Amino acid sequence: MVDLFAITIPIIVIGGTILFVLLPRYGPHYTSRLLCPNSKRQFFYHWIPGATLMSLRYGNKRHLKCPYCHIQNTFEIAKTRVSKPKKPAQQPKA
């Protein structure tokens, strides 16, 4: 009979590799446009859903520091997700 411990260790190692190495590299990436309540300036935040243990704890909220005023705030990242990045305006052909 195969030891249960000998089976679970490789499963945990393979699952951890998929979760922490392959998913952040090749998985879905999202961008949120956030507005700081203190400085009233917008900035972009790039994130991967479910890639960290903190995302399982806090859900769609993140505690981030604003890159402009450096004050920590709580932001809803799923509600402010940008579906498609804006394309640059095309210049008229001469």
C-alpha atoms as a PDB file:
ATOM      1  CA  MET A   1       0.000   0.000   0.000  1.00  0.00           C
ATOM      2  CA  VAL A   2       1.339   3.375  -0.980  1.00  0.00           C
ATOM      3  CA  ASP A   3       1.836   5.789   1.852  1.00  0.00           C
ATOM      4  CA  LEU A   4      -0.690   8.665   1.841  1.00  0.00           C
ATOM      5  CA  PHE A   5       2.080  11.112   2.736  1.00  0.00           C
ATOM      6  CA  ALA A   6       4.088  10.095  -0.353  1.00  0.00           C
ATOM      7  CA  ILE A   7       1.105  10.858  -2.584  1.00  0.00           C
ATOM      8  CA  THR A   8       0.053  14.211  -1.111  1.00  0.00           C
ATOM      9  CA  ILE A   9       3.499  15.839  -1.173  1.00  0.00           C
ATOM     10  CA  PRO A  10       3.920  15.653  -4.998  1.00  0.00           C
ATOM     11  CA  ILE A  11       0.324  16.846  -5.480  1.00  0.00           C
ATOM     12  CA  ILE A  12       0.983  19.865  -3.249  1.00  0.00           C
ATOM     13  CA  VAL A  13       4.246  20.647  -5.065  1.00  0.00           C
ATOM     14  CA  ILE A  14       2.628  20.433  -8.512  1.00  0.00           C
ATOM     15  CA  GLY A  15      -0.383  22.498  -7.391  1.00  0.00           C
ATOM     16  CA  GLY A  16       1.867  25.154  -5.839  1.00  0.00           C
ATOM     17  CA  THR A  17       3.931  25.339  -9.010  1.00  0.00           C
ATOM     18  CA  ILE A  18       0.838  25.874 -11.112  1.00  0.00           C
ATOM     19  CA  LEU A  19      -0.624  28.446  -8.714  1.00  0.00           C
ATOM     20  CA  PHE A  20       2.474  30.557  -8.058  1.00  0.00           C
ATOM     21  CA  VAL A  21       4.571  30.135 -11.232  1.00  0.00           C
ATOM     22  CA  LEU A  22       2.431  29.369 -14.261  1.00  0.00           C
ATOM     23  CA  LEU A  23      -0.766  31.294 -13.418  1.00  0.00           C
ATOM     24  CA  PRO A  24       0.926  34.697 -12.881  1.00  0.00           C
ATOM     25  CA  ARG A  25       2.978  34.259 -16.038  1.00  0.00           C
ATOM     26  CA  TYR A  26       0.374  32.895 -18.466  1.00  0.00           C
ATOM     27  CA  GLY A  27      -2.938  33.415 -16.668  1.00  0.00           C
ATOM     28  CA  PRO A  28      -5.487  36.215 -16.973  1.00  0.00           C
ATOM     29  CA  HIS A  29      -4.191  39.699 -16.257  1.00  0.00           C
ATOM     30  CA  TYR A  30      -6.430  42.665 -15.544  1.00  0.00           C
ATOM     31  CA  THR A  31      -5.923  46.396 -15.280  1.00  0.00           C
ATOM     32  CA  SER A  32      -7.943  48.673 -13.015  1.00  0.00           C
ATOM     33  CA  ARG A  33      -8.164  52.444 -13.217  1.00  0.00           C
ATOM     34  CA  LEU A  34      -8.159  53.687  -9.621  1.00  0.00           C
ATOM     35  CA  LEU A  35      -8.895  57.149  -8.250  1.00  0.00           C
ATOM     36  CA  CYS A  36      -7.127  58.246  -5.067  1.00  0.00           C
ATOM     37  CA  PRO A  37      -9.601  59.877  -2.634  1.00  0.00           C
ATOM     38  CA  ASN A  38      -6.889  62.171  -1.224  1.00  0.00           C
ATOM     39  CA  SER A  39      -5.043  63.493  -4.269  1.00  0.00           C
ATOM     40  CA  LYS A  40      -7.955  62.961  -6.738  1.00  0.00           C
ATOM     41  CA  ARG A  41      -5.538  61.581  -9.310  1.00  0.00           C
ATOM     42  CA  GLN A  42      -5.993  58.452 -11.378  1.00  0.00           C
ATOM     43  CA  PHE A  43      -3.509  55.617 -11.689  1.00  0.00           C
ATOM     44  CA  PHE A  44      -3.530  52.109 -13.143  1.00  0.00           C
ATOM     45  CA  TYR A  45      -3.119  48.895 -11.155  1.00  0.00           C
ATOM     46  CA  HIS A  46      -2.246  45.596 -12.898  1.00  0.00           C
ATOM     47  CA  TRP A  47      -3.472  42.479 -11.101  1.00  0.00           C
ATOM     48  CA  ILE A  48      -4.014  38.751 -11.482  1.00  0.00           C
ATOM     49  CA  PRO A  49      -7.178  37.299  -9.921  1.00  0.00           C
ATOM     50  CA  GLY A  50      -6.521  34.679  -7.256  1.00  0.00           C
ATOM     51  CA  ALA A  51      -2.739  34.681  -7.652  1.00  0.00           C
ATOM     52  CA  THR A  52      -1.939  35.427  -4.002  1.00  0.00           C
ATOM     53  CA  LEU A  53      -3.235  34.246  -0.671  1.00  0.00           C
ATOM     54  CA  MET A  54      -4.106  37.846   0.238  1.00  0.00           C
ATOM     55  CA  SER A  55      -6.547  37.974  -2.676  1.00  0.00           C
ATOM     56  CA  LEU A  56      -8.369  35.018  -1.159  1.00  0.00           C
ATOM     57  CA  ARG A  57      -8.548  36.843   2.173  1.00  0.00           C
ATOM     58  CA  TYR A  58      -9.566  40.332   1.006  1.00  0.00           C
ATOM     59  CA  GLY A  59     -11.523  39.439  -2.148  1.00  0.00           C
ATOM     60  CA  ASN A  60     -11.801  42.319  -4.616  1.00  0.00           C
ATOM     61  CA  LYS A  61     -10.410  44.956  -2.243  1.00  0.00           C
ATOM     62  CA  ARG A  62      -6.758  45.939  -2.105  1.00  0.00           C
ATOM     63  CA  HIS A  63      -4.915  48.123   0.379  1.00  0.00           C
ATOM     64  CA  LEU A  64      -2.587  50.172  -1.818  1.00  0.00           C
ATOM     65  CA  LYS A  65      -0.506  53.304  -1.515  1.00  0.00           C
ATOM     66  CA  CYS A  66      -1.217  56.019  -4.014  1.00  0.00           C
ATOM     67  CA  PRO A  67       1.863  56.589  -6.218  1.00  0.00           C
ATOM     68  CA  TYR A  68       1.328  60.355  -5.969  1.00  0.00           C
ATOM     69  CA  CYS A  69       0.486  61.143  -2.325  1.00  0.00           C
ATOM     70  CA  HIS A  70       1.843  57.875  -0.791  1.00  0.00           C
ATOM     71  CA  ILE A  71      -1.146  57.474   1.540  1.00  0.00           C
ATOM     72  CA  GLN A  72      -2.584  53.980   1.933  1.00  0.00           C
ATOM     73  CA  ASN A  73      -6.236  53.515   0.963  1.00  0.00           C
ATOM     74  CA  THR A  74      -8.623  50.652   0.229  1.00  0.00           C
ATOM     75  CA  PHE A  75      -9.597  50.282  -3.420  1.00  0.00           C
ATOM     76  CA  GLU A  76     -12.222  48.119  -5.159  1.00  0.00           C
ATOM     77  CA  ILE A  77     -10.269  46.662  -8.063  1.00  0.00           C
ATOM     78  CA  ALA A  78     -12.983  44.549  -9.712  1.00  0.00           C
ATOM     79  CA  LYS A  79     -15.462  47.422 -10.079  1.00  0.00           C
ATOM     80  CA  THR A  80     -12.886  49.696 -11.710  1.00  0.00           C
ATOM     81  CA  ARG A  81     -11.531  47.120 -14.143  1.00  0.00           C
ATOM     82  CA  VAL A  82     -10.769  48.450 -17.606  1.00  0.00           C
ATOM     83  CA  SER A  83     -12.243  46.090 -20.178  1.00  0.00           C
ATOM     84  CA  LYS A  84     -10.089  47.225 -23.088  1.00  0.00           C
ATOM     85  CA  PRO A  85      -7.163  49.628 -23.091  1.00  0.00           C
ATOM     86  CA  LYS A  86      -7.718  52.811 -25.024  1.00  0.00           C
ATOM     87  CA  LYS A  87      -6.182  52.855 -28.465  1.00  0.00           C
ATOM     88  CA  PRO A  88      -4.044  55.858 -29.401  1.00  0.00           C
ATOM     89  CA  ALA A  89      -5.675  58.286 -31.795  1.00  0.00           C
ATOM     90  CA  GLN A  90      -4.759  57.593 -35.382  1.00  0.00           C
ATOM     91  CA  GLN A  91      -3.072  60.342 -37.290  1.00  0.00           C
ATOM     92  CA  PRO A  92      -4.682  61.375 -40.568  1.00  0.00           C
ATOM     93  CA  LYS A  93      -2.944  60.085 -43.683  1.00  0.00           C
ATOM     94  CA  ALA A  94      -1.261  62.709 -45.812  1.00  0.00           C
END
